[in-house]
Structures are given as C-alpha cells and as structure tokens.
C-alpha cells in the first residue's frame, strides 16, 4: 500500500481549495435559484472581504466556474440583503410560554451586539422579570435578497450574485447558447473535431441583431470559416427565446 508522505501535505492550500469549492457550489445553487442559465454570463459576484487573502489567485477559478466577469470583495454584505429574526415556535413555545409574544417583539428589533452574542452562545434576555438564555435553535433567521441580487448562505459562507443583466450580457449569453447548439449539431452530424465548417442560419431580425457583435466569436469557437444568414433552414433549434434554423456544411479539403 502507498505510504502517506506528510511533508507533501499543504494544509494551507487545502483550506483555500475547500473554500473556493464551497463558494462555487453555493454560487451554482444561487444561479439555479435565480433561474440564470449556466451559459449566461453575469457581471459580478460579491464575497466577504475577510476571504480575499485566502482566495488569492484562485479568484480566476471562481470567475470561470460561475461564468462571471468580476469578483468583488465587500466589507458588509448585509447591505445587499434584508435579515429578519423570529422565534422558532416549535422549540421556543415550550420555553417562553406566555412570554413568547414579547420574545417575538424583542427579535423584531434585535440589536447588532445581541446578534453577535447569539452567535457566540452567550445571549441572555430578561422578559417580564424572567431571564432566558437564547440559543440559536430558539431563533429562525430569514434572509431575503435585495432587488437585483440573489443571496445564498451555507454555514458561515455567503455569496451574492448580481442578477441584473445588461443588454451586452444578454447578447453574449445568446451567443454562447448558439455555440452550444452548433457544437451539438457538429457531433450529431458526425463531423471530426478538427473539421472546418460553414454555418447557415435563418432567424428574425432581433436574433440576428443580438449576435452580430459575436459572429467572429461564434465562428472561432465552432471552427467555422463563414456564418451566413439565409432566408430559410429546415432544421430549427430553440435558442433561449428564439427559434433559429441552423445548417452546417463541412468544408472539404479542396475547398479550404
């Protein structure tokens, strides 16, 4: 059996990698929750400033895996979310009895210093002459994203997606979806991975206008020499909100 070489273990690297993997997983869940397709680029994700040094040069991995233009580190992520607290009635009801309503009012206006005490497990509250030790299982914390953002939380990790899509981002997302459809057609047509092709497509004016700045990008990604709009193509693909006819022509050696 192989023997572990403990001097080869890099605990710092493992810690960094675990953090990045967890953030990527959380970000993907956030994209799904916001109903943003994987190939649709987004402008930014917001991360806790305290993790900036830990993540370091792995930020490019986060950008690639989440299809995001920039990662921003924020001092106070609470600016992008609304947080409310209320009793966990299943647990708190038995403990507080008639004081449950007052406990609920207390949580509605809970102070920052008391939130910190709650997280540390040393919060004590006096209600109607009775002192209660407040533990996290007695409280339900609800987080809602502010408009234009989607917040995902897991344990002490937070990631916030900027869900506002500019026209430029929408057009790039459409181009990436188009590339995916063409690559699938290449495969189903039996083309070799290195084969050069011509692309013929039919669409409405809006689709053609939205991809016009990305035609060279589409051609480069699909090994196409030409991409030409024609009046009609029988094979129709659903690309986002558009129905697009796509026909691929393999370029033979003598035509290259």
C-alpha atoms as a PDB file:
ATOM      1  CA  UNK A   1       0.000   0.000   0.000  1.00  0.00           C
ATOM      2  CA  UNK A   2       1.189   3.566  -0.642  1.00  0.00           C
ATOM      3  CA  UNK A   3       2.592   5.420   2.334  1.00  0.00           C
ATOM      4  CA  UNK A   4       1.446   8.934   3.159  1.00  0.00           C
ATOM      5  CA  UNK A   5       4.228  11.497   2.793  1.00  0.00           C
ATOM      6  CA  UNK A   6       3.120  14.006   5.417  1.00  0.00           C
ATOM      7  CA  UNK A   7       5.736  16.538   4.335  1.00  0.00           C
ATOM      8  CA  UNK A   8       3.914  16.779   0.983  1.00  0.00           C
ATOM      9  CA  UNK A   9       0.624  17.824   2.618  1.00  0.00           C
ATOM     10  CA  UNK A  10      -0.125  21.515   2.172  1.00  0.00           C
ATOM     11  CA  UNK A  11      -2.843  22.336   4.666  1.00  0.00           C
ATOM     12  CA  UNK A  12      -2.996  25.986   3.642  1.00  0.00           C
ATOM     13  CA  UNK A  13      -3.651  25.028   0.024  1.00  0.00           C
ATOM     14  CA  UNK A  14      -6.292  22.506   1.085  1.00  0.00           C
ATOM     15  CA  UNK A  15      -8.048  25.172   3.168  1.00  0.00           C
ATOM     16  CA  UNK A  16      -8.026  27.599   0.242  1.00  0.00           C
ATOM     17  CA  UNK A  17      -9.292  24.957  -2.162  1.00  0.00           C
ATOM     18  CA  UNK A  18     -12.077  23.855   0.181  1.00  0.00           C
ATOM     19  CA  UNK A  19     -13.234  27.465   0.495  1.00  0.00           C
ATOM     20  CA  UNK A  20     -13.227  28.025  -3.260  1.00  0.00           C
ATOM     21  CA  UNK A  21     -15.043  24.738  -3.973  1.00  0.00           C
ATOM     22  CA  UNK A  22     -17.726  25.557  -1.410  1.00  0.00           C
ATOM     23  CA  UNK A  23     -18.188  29.071  -2.795  1.00  0.00           C
ATOM     24  CA  UNK A  24     -18.502  27.730  -6.348  1.00  0.00           C
ATOM     25  CA  UNK A  25     -21.085  25.173  -5.234  1.00  0.00           C
ATOM     26  CA  UNK A  26     -23.002  27.866  -3.374  1.00  0.00           C
ATOM     27  CA  UNK A  27     -22.805  30.164  -6.402  1.00  0.00           C
ATOM     28  CA  UNK A  28     -24.157  27.486  -8.725  1.00  0.00           C
ATOM     29  CA  UNK A  29     -27.091  26.911  -6.396  1.00  0.00           C
ATOM     30  CA  UNK A  30     -27.682  30.657  -6.367  1.00  0.00           C
ATOM     31  CA  UNK A  31     -27.722  30.756 -10.189  1.00  0.00           C
ATOM     32  CA  UNK A  32     -30.294  27.960 -10.247  1.00  0.00           C
ATOM     33  CA  UNK A  33     -32.415  29.737  -7.670  1.00  0.00           C
ATOM     34  CA  UNK A  34     -32.262  32.950  -9.718  1.00  0.00           C
ATOM     35  CA  UNK A  35     -33.072  30.940 -12.889  1.00  0.00           C
ATOM     36  CA  UNK A  36     -29.978  32.181 -14.726  1.00  0.00           C
ATOM     37  CA  UNK A  37     -28.662  29.669 -17.264  1.00  0.00           C
ATOM     38  CA  UNK A  38     -25.116  28.347 -16.905  1.00  0.00           C
ATOM     39  CA  UNK A  39     -24.012  29.843 -20.237  1.00  0.00           C
ATOM     40  CA  UNK A  40     -25.451  33.257 -19.401  1.00  0.00           C
ATOM     41  CA  UNK A  41     -22.588  35.427 -18.102  1.00  0.00           C
ATOM     42  CA  UNK A  42     -23.285  37.690 -15.149  1.00  0.00           C
ATOM     43  CA  UNK A  43     -21.473  40.868 -14.230  1.00  0.00           C
ATOM     44  CA  UNK A  44     -20.352  40.189 -10.666  1.00  0.00           C
ATOM     45  CA  UNK A  45     -20.478  38.099  -7.521  1.00  0.00           C
ATOM     46  CA  UNK A  46     -19.941  39.593  -4.084  1.00  0.00           C
ATOM     47  CA  UNK A  47     -17.860  37.824  -1.432  1.00  0.00           C
ATOM     48  CA  UNK A  48     -16.912  38.574   2.152  1.00  0.00           C
ATOM     49  CA  UNK A  49     -13.846  40.823   2.305  1.00  0.00           C
ATOM     50  CA  UNK A  50     -12.305  38.630   5.019  1.00  0.00           C
ATOM     51  CA  UNK A  51     -11.841  35.810   2.469  1.00  0.00           C
ATOM     52  CA  UNK A  52      -9.951  37.909  -0.093  1.00  0.00           C
ATOM     53  CA  UNK A  53      -6.439  36.922   1.028  1.00  0.00           C
ATOM     54  CA  UNK A  54      -7.391  33.268   1.445  1.00  0.00           C
ATOM     55  CA  UNK A  55      -8.831  33.045  -2.066  1.00  0.00           C
ATOM     56  CA  UNK A  56      -5.915  34.960  -3.582  1.00  0.00           C
ATOM     57  CA  UNK A  57      -5.118  33.983  -7.162  1.00  0.00           C
ATOM     58  CA  UNK A  58      -7.869  31.351  -7.168  1.00  0.00           C
ATOM     59  CA  UNK A  59     -10.328  34.125  -7.950  1.00  0.00           C
ATOM     60  CA  UNK A  60      -9.990  33.315 -11.670  1.00  0.00           C
ATOM     61  CA  UNK A  61     -11.272  29.805 -10.967  1.00  0.00           C
ATOM     62  CA  UNK A  62     -14.389  31.258  -9.337  1.00  0.00           C
ATOM     63  CA  UNK A  63     -14.922  33.581 -12.307  1.00  0.00           C
ATOM     64  CA  UNK A  64     -14.562  30.722 -14.783  1.00  0.00           C
ATOM     65  CA  UNK A  65     -16.752  28.223 -12.933  1.00  0.00           C
ATOM     66  CA  UNK A  66     -19.538  30.733 -12.240  1.00  0.00           C
ATOM     67  CA  UNK A  67     -19.276  32.469 -15.642  1.00  0.00           C
ATOM     68  CA  UNK A  68     -18.885  35.871 -14.026  1.00  0.00           C
ATOM     69  CA  UNK A  69     -16.987  38.950 -15.182  1.00  0.00           C
ATOM     70  CA  UNK A  70     -15.708  40.120 -11.804  1.00  0.00           C
ATOM     71  CA  UNK A  71     -15.488  39.103  -8.155  1.00  0.00           C
ATOM     72  CA  UNK A  72     -15.992  41.930  -5.664  1.00  0.00           C
ATOM     73  CA  UNK A  73     -14.985  41.762  -2.003  1.00  0.00           C
ATOM     74  CA  UNK A  74     -17.380  43.614   0.308  1.00  0.00           C
ATOM     75  CA  UNK A  75     -16.836  44.686   3.931  1.00  0.00           C
ATOM     76  CA  UNK A  76     -20.510  44.397   4.932  1.00  0.00           C
ATOM     77  CA  UNK A  77     -22.572  42.008   2.800  1.00  0.00           C
ATOM     78  CA  UNK A  78     -25.691  42.871   4.811  1.00  0.00           C
ATOM     79  CA  UNK A  79     -26.095  45.944   2.609  1.00  0.00           C
ATOM     80  CA  UNK A  80     -27.363  43.596  -0.105  1.00  0.00           C
ATOM     81  CA  UNK A  81     -29.878  41.623   1.970  1.00  0.00           C
ATOM     82  CA  UNK A  82     -32.722  42.014   4.414  1.00  0.00           C
ATOM     83  CA  UNK A  83     -32.383  39.898   7.588  1.00  0.00           C
ATOM     84  CA  UNK A  84     -35.267  39.245   9.947  1.00  0.00           C
ATOM     85  CA  UNK A  85     -35.455  37.184  13.136  1.00  0.00           C
ATOM     86  CA  UNK A  86     -38.430  35.449  14.696  1.00  0.00           C
ATOM     87  CA  UNK A  87     -38.962  32.697  17.293  1.00  0.00           C
ATOM     88  CA  UNK A  88     -38.668  29.071  16.294  1.00  0.00           C
ATOM     89  CA  UNK A  89     -42.087  28.417  17.757  1.00  0.00           C
ATOM     90  CA  UNK A  90     -41.707  24.622  17.865  1.00  0.00           C
ATOM     91  CA  UNK A  91     -38.803  24.963  20.276  1.00  0.00           C
ATOM     92  CA  UNK A  92     -39.353  28.386  21.849  1.00  0.00           C
ATOM     93  CA  UNK A  93     -43.048  27.980  22.592  1.00  0.00           C
ATOM     94  CA  UNK A  94     -42.455  25.475  25.395  1.00  0.00           C
ATOM     95  CA  UNK A  95     -39.687  27.548  26.953  1.00  0.00           C
ATOM     96  CA  UNK A  96     -41.267  31.003  26.848  1.00  0.00           C
ATOM     97  CA  UNK A  97     -44.938  30.167  27.398  1.00  0.00           C
ATOM     98  CA  UNK A  98     -46.871  33.425  27.859  1.00  0.00           C
ATOM     99  CA  UNK A  99     -43.676  35.426  27.178  1.00  0.00           C
ATOM    100  CA  UNK A 100     -43.472  34.210  23.577  1.00  0.00           C
ATOM    101  CA  UNK A 101     -45.138  37.351  22.191  1.00  0.00           C
ATOM    102  CA  UNK A 102     -42.644  39.577  23.992  1.00  0.00           C
ATOM    103  CA  UNK A 103     -39.785  37.400  22.734  1.00  0.00           C
ATOM    104  CA  UNK A 104     -41.123  37.845  19.201  1.00  0.00           C
ATOM    105  CA  UNK A 105     -41.212  41.639  19.624  1.00  0.00           C
ATOM    106  CA  UNK A 106     -37.675  41.567  21.013  1.00  0.00           C
ATOM    107  CA  UNK A 107     -36.406  39.675  17.937  1.00  0.00           C
ATOM    108  CA  UNK A 108     -38.096  42.131  15.585  1.00  0.00           C
ATOM    109  CA  UNK A 109     -35.838  44.850  16.979  1.00  0.00           C
ATOM    110  CA  UNK A 110     -32.790  42.820  17.974  1.00  0.00           C
ATOM    111  CA  UNK A 111     -29.582  44.863  18.209  1.00  0.00           C
ATOM    112  CA  UNK A 112     -26.325  44.103  16.422  1.00  0.00           C
ATOM    113  CA  UNK A 113     -24.488  43.431  19.676  1.00  0.00           C
ATOM    114  CA  UNK A 114     -27.161  40.909  20.686  1.00  0.00           C
ATOM    115  CA  UNK A 115     -26.879  39.163  17.305  1.00  0.00           C
ATOM    116  CA  UNK A 116     -23.159  38.783  17.967  1.00  0.00           C
ATOM    117  CA  UNK A 117     -23.849  37.382  21.434  1.00  0.00           C
ATOM    118  CA  UNK A 118     -26.377  34.961  19.958  1.00  0.00           C
ATOM    119  CA  UNK A 119     -23.800  33.607  17.510  1.00  0.00           C
ATOM    120  CA  UNK A 120     -21.332  33.148  20.390  1.00  0.00           C
ATOM    121  CA  UNK A 121     -23.940  31.383  22.547  1.00  0.00           C
ATOM    122  CA  UNK A 122     -23.914  33.866  25.428  1.00  0.00           C
ATOM    123  CA  UNK A 123     -27.079  35.928  24.856  1.00  0.00           C
ATOM    124  CA  UNK A 124     -29.322  36.346  27.921  1.00  0.00           C
ATOM    125  CA  UNK A 125     -32.629  38.250  27.684  1.00  0.00           C
ATOM    126  CA  UNK A 126     -34.875  39.402  30.518  1.00  0.00           C
ATOM    127  CA  UNK A 127     -38.611  39.312  29.767  1.00  0.00           C
ATOM    128  CA  UNK A 128     -41.182  40.241  32.403  1.00  0.00           C
ATOM    129  CA  UNK A 129     -38.735  39.559  35.212  1.00  0.00           C
ATOM    130  CA  UNK A 130     -37.557  36.173  33.850  1.00  0.00           C
ATOM    131  CA  UNK A 131     -34.102  35.675  32.352  1.00  0.00           C
ATOM    132  CA  UNK A 132     -33.750  33.405  29.331  1.00  0.00           C
ATOM    133  CA  UNK A 133     -30.560  32.111  27.759  1.00  0.00           C
ATOM    134  CA  UNK A 134     -31.125  32.439  23.998  1.00  0.00           C
ATOM    135  CA  UNK A 135     -29.559  29.767  21.820  1.00  0.00           C
ATOM    136  CA  UNK A 136     -29.633  29.652  18.027  1.00  0.00           C
ATOM    137  CA  UNK A 137     -32.167  26.789  17.978  1.00  0.00           C
ATOM    138  CA  UNK A 138     -34.715  29.155  19.558  1.00  0.00           C
ATOM    139  CA  UNK A 139     -34.453  31.615  16.676  1.00  0.00           C
ATOM    140  CA  UNK A 140     -35.323  31.462  12.977  1.00  0.00           C
ATOM    141  CA  UNK A 141     -33.205  33.699  10.785  1.00  0.00           C
ATOM    142  CA  UNK A 142     -34.682  34.691   7.433  1.00  0.00           C
ATOM    143  CA  UNK A 143     -32.557  36.220   4.698  1.00  0.00           C
ATOM    144  CA  UNK A 144     -34.088  37.944   1.687  1.00  0.00           C
ATOM    145  CA  UNK A 145     -32.095  39.349  -1.216  1.00  0.00           C
ATOM    146  CA  UNK A 146     -32.468  42.973  -2.120  1.00  0.00           C
ATOM    147  CA  UNK A 147     -33.704  43.728  -5.624  1.00  0.00           C
ATOM    148  CA  UNK A 148     -31.147  42.887  -8.296  1.00  0.00           C
ATOM    149  CA  UNK A 149     -29.257  40.366  -6.154  1.00  0.00           C
ATOM    150  CA  UNK A 150     -29.519  36.757  -5.045  1.00  0.00           C
ATOM    151  CA  UNK A 151     -28.050  35.747  -1.691  1.00  0.00           C
ATOM    152  CA  UNK A 152     -27.024  32.207  -0.789  1.00  0.00           C
ATOM    153  CA  UNK A 153     -25.809  31.224   2.668  1.00  0.00           C
ATOM    154  CA  UNK A 154     -24.318  27.973   3.932  1.00  0.00           C
ATOM    155  CA  UNK A 155     -22.861  27.735   7.416  1.00  0.00           C
ATOM    156  CA  UNK A 156     -20.759  30.914   7.654  1.00  0.00           C
ATOM    157  CA  UNK A 157     -20.265  31.294   3.900  1.00  0.00           C
ATOM    158  CA  UNK A 158     -22.149  33.917   1.902  1.00  0.00           C
ATOM    159  CA  UNK A 159     -22.155  34.569  -1.834  1.00  0.00           C
ATOM    160  CA  UNK A 160     -24.248  37.226  -3.541  1.00  0.00           C
ATOM    161  CA  UNK A 161     -24.957  37.242  -7.269  1.00  0.00           C
ATOM    162  CA  UNK A 162     -25.648  40.433  -9.169  1.00  0.00           C
ATOM    163  CA  UNK A 163     -28.675  39.249 -11.175  1.00  0.00           C
ATOM    164  CA  UNK A 164     -29.076  42.415 -13.271  1.00  0.00           C
ATOM    165  CA  UNK A 165     -28.353  41.516 -16.912  1.00  0.00           C
ATOM    166  CA  UNK A 166     -27.249  44.290 -19.240  1.00  0.00           C
ATOM    167  CA  UNK A 167     -28.045  44.058 -22.941  1.00  0.00           C
ATOM    168  CA  UNK A 168     -24.410  43.239 -23.629  1.00  0.00           C
ATOM    169  CA  UNK A 169     -24.509  40.306 -21.175  1.00  0.00           C
ATOM    170  CA  UNK A 170     -27.772  39.040 -22.687  1.00  0.00           C
ATOM    171  CA  UNK A 171     -26.261  39.113 -26.181  1.00  0.00           C
ATOM    172  CA  UNK A 172     -23.158  37.263 -25.024  1.00  0.00           C
ATOM    173  CA  UNK A 173     -25.333  34.649 -23.339  1.00  0.00           C
ATOM    174  CA  UNK A 174     -27.274  34.189 -26.582  1.00  0.00           C
ATOM    175  CA  UNK A 175     -24.028  33.742 -28.488  1.00  0.00           C
ATOM    176  CA  UNK A 176     -22.820  31.106 -26.004  1.00  0.00           C
ATOM    177  CA  UNK A 177     -26.118  29.211 -26.282  1.00  0.00           C
ATOM    178  CA  UNK A 178     -25.770  29.358 -30.079  1.00  0.00           C
ATOM    179  CA  UNK A 179     -22.262  27.889 -29.849  1.00  0.00           C
ATOM    180  CA  UNK A 180     -23.579  25.044 -27.691  1.00  0.00           C
ATOM    181  CA  UNK A 181     -26.297  24.211 -30.234  1.00  0.00           C
ATOM    182  CA  UNK A 182     -23.822  24.273 -33.123  1.00  0.00           C
ATOM    183  CA  UNK A 183     -21.340  22.055 -31.257  1.00  0.00           C
ATOM    184  CA  UNK A 184     -24.121  19.531 -30.613  1.00  0.00           C
ATOM    185  CA  UNK A 185     -25.052  19.630 -34.310  1.00  0.00           C
ATOM    186  CA  UNK A 186     -21.411  19.078 -35.258  1.00  0.00           C
ATOM    187  CA  UNK A 187     -21.361  15.989 -33.073  1.00  0.00           C
ATOM    188  CA  UNK A 188     -24.685  14.587 -34.286  1.00  0.00           C
ATOM    189  CA  UNK A 189     -23.603  15.196 -37.896  1.00  0.00           C
ATOM    190  CA  UNK A 190     -20.535  13.027 -37.382  1.00  0.00           C
ATOM    191  CA  UNK A 191     -18.018  15.789 -38.047  1.00  0.00           C
ATOM    192  CA  UNK A 192     -14.443  15.311 -36.902  1.00  0.00           C
ATOM    193  CA  UNK A 193     -13.312  17.583 -34.083  1.00  0.00           C
ATOM    194  CA  UNK A 194     -10.914  19.376 -36.478  1.00  0.00           C
ATOM    195  CA  UNK A 195     -13.324  19.741 -39.418  1.00  0.00           C
ATOM    196  CA  UNK A 196     -13.899  23.253 -40.692  1.00  0.00           C
ATOM    197  CA  UNK A 197     -17.492  24.230 -41.436  1.00  0.00           C
ATOM    198  CA  UNK A 198     -19.772  26.893 -42.866  1.00  0.00           C
ATOM    199  CA  UNK A 199     -22.806  27.926 -40.831  1.00  0.00           C
ATOM    200  CA  UNK A 200     -26.106  28.936 -42.419  1.00  0.00           C
ATOM    201  CA  UNK A 201     -28.847  30.233 -40.190  1.00  0.00           C
ATOM    202  CA  UNK A 202     -32.334  31.702 -40.503  1.00  0.00           C
ATOM    203  CA  UNK A 203     -33.873  33.877 -37.822  1.00  0.00           C
ATOM    204  CA  UNK A 204     -35.816  37.024 -37.111  1.00  0.00           C
ATOM    205  CA  UNK A 205     -34.094  40.405 -37.139  1.00  0.00           C
ATOM    206  CA  UNK A 206     -33.852  40.635 -33.345  1.00  0.00           C
ATOM    207  CA  UNK A 207     -31.798  37.437 -33.039  1.00  0.00           C
ATOM    208  CA  UNK A 208     -29.518  38.499 -35.878  1.00  0.00           C
ATOM    209  CA  UNK A 209     -29.022  41.915 -34.308  1.00  0.00           C
ATOM    210  CA  UNK A 210     -28.216  40.478 -30.868  1.00  0.00           C
ATOM    211  CA  UNK A 211     -25.491  38.134 -32.121  1.00  0.00           C
ATOM    212  CA  UNK A 212     -23.954  40.478 -34.706  1.00  0.00           C
ATOM    213  CA  UNK A 213     -21.115  41.569 -32.413  1.00  0.00           C
ATOM    214  CA  UNK A 214     -20.351  37.942 -31.531  1.00  0.00           C
ATOM    215  CA  UNK A 215     -20.265  36.370 -35.008  1.00  0.00           C
ATOM    216  CA  UNK A 216     -16.455  36.162 -35.013  1.00  0.00           C
ATOM    217  CA  UNK A 217     -16.561  34.611 -31.524  1.00  0.00           C
ATOM    218  CA  UNK A 218     -19.119  32.007 -32.652  1.00  0.00           C
ATOM    219  CA  UNK A 219     -17.065  31.178 -35.748  1.00  0.00           C
ATOM    220  CA  UNK A 220     -13.857  30.830 -33.761  1.00  0.00           C
ATOM    221  CA  UNK A 221     -15.433  28.547 -31.143  1.00  0.00           C
ATOM    222  CA  UNK A 222     -17.087  26.276 -33.740  1.00  0.00           C
ATOM    223  CA  UNK A 223     -14.252  26.218 -36.340  1.00  0.00           C
ATOM    224  CA  UNK A 224     -16.487  27.941 -38.882  1.00  0.00           C
ATOM    225  CA  UNK A 225     -14.996  29.890 -41.773  1.00  0.00           C
ATOM    226  CA  UNK A 226     -18.274  31.627 -42.565  1.00  0.00           C
ATOM    227  CA  UNK A 227     -21.569  32.313 -40.798  1.00  0.00           C
ATOM    228  CA  UNK A 228     -24.268  33.450 -43.198  1.00  0.00           C
ATOM    229  CA  UNK A 229     -27.899  34.394 -42.662  1.00  0.00           C
ATOM    230  CA  UNK A 230     -30.246  32.840 -45.240  1.00  0.00           C
ATOM    231  CA  UNK A 231     -33.979  33.026 -45.855  1.00  0.00           C
ATOM    232  CA  UNK A 232     -34.930  29.554 -44.629  1.00  0.00           C
ATOM    233  CA  UNK A 233     -33.424  26.480 -42.978  1.00  0.00           C
ATOM    234  CA  UNK A 234     -35.461  23.363 -42.253  1.00  0.00           C
ATOM    235  CA  UNK A 235     -33.700  22.295 -39.041  1.00  0.00           C
ATOM    236  CA  UNK A 236     -34.927  24.503 -36.200  1.00  0.00           C
ATOM    237  CA  UNK A 237     -33.229  24.936 -32.824  1.00  0.00           C
ATOM    238  CA  UNK A 238     -34.707  26.647 -29.763  1.00  0.00           C
ATOM    239  CA  UNK A 239     -32.082  29.114 -28.541  1.00  0.00           C
ATOM    240  CA  UNK A 240     -33.280  30.998 -25.470  1.00  0.00           C
ATOM    241  CA  UNK A 241     -36.433  32.792 -26.668  1.00  0.00           C
ATOM    242  CA  UNK A 242     -35.686  32.372 -30.379  1.00  0.00           C
ATOM    243  CA  UNK A 243     -36.405  29.710 -32.973  1.00  0.00           C
ATOM    244  CA  UNK A 244     -33.360  29.569 -35.214  1.00  0.00           C
ATOM    245  CA  UNK A 245     -32.797  27.476 -38.313  1.00  0.00           C
ATOM    246  CA  UNK A 246     -29.249  26.109 -38.426  1.00  0.00           C
ATOM    247  CA  UNK A 247     -27.500  24.218 -41.208  1.00  0.00           C
ATOM    248  CA  UNK A 248     -23.853  23.150 -41.105  1.00  0.00           C
ATOM    249  CA  UNK A 249     -21.729  22.455 -44.161  1.00  0.00           C
ATOM    250  CA  UNK A 250     -18.485  20.554 -43.848  1.00  0.00           C
ATOM    251  CA  UNK A 251     -15.685  22.172 -45.860  1.00  0.00           C
ATOM    252  CA  UNK A 252     -13.847  19.557 -47.872  1.00  0.00           C
ATOM    253  CA  UNK A 253     -10.078  19.705 -48.232  1.00  0.00           C
ATOM    254  CA  UNK A 254     -10.144  21.166 -51.752  1.00  0.00           C
ATOM    255  CA  UNK A 255     -12.436  23.994 -50.584  1.00  0.00           C
ATOM    256  CA  UNK A 256     -10.161  25.108 -47.762  1.00  0.00           C
END
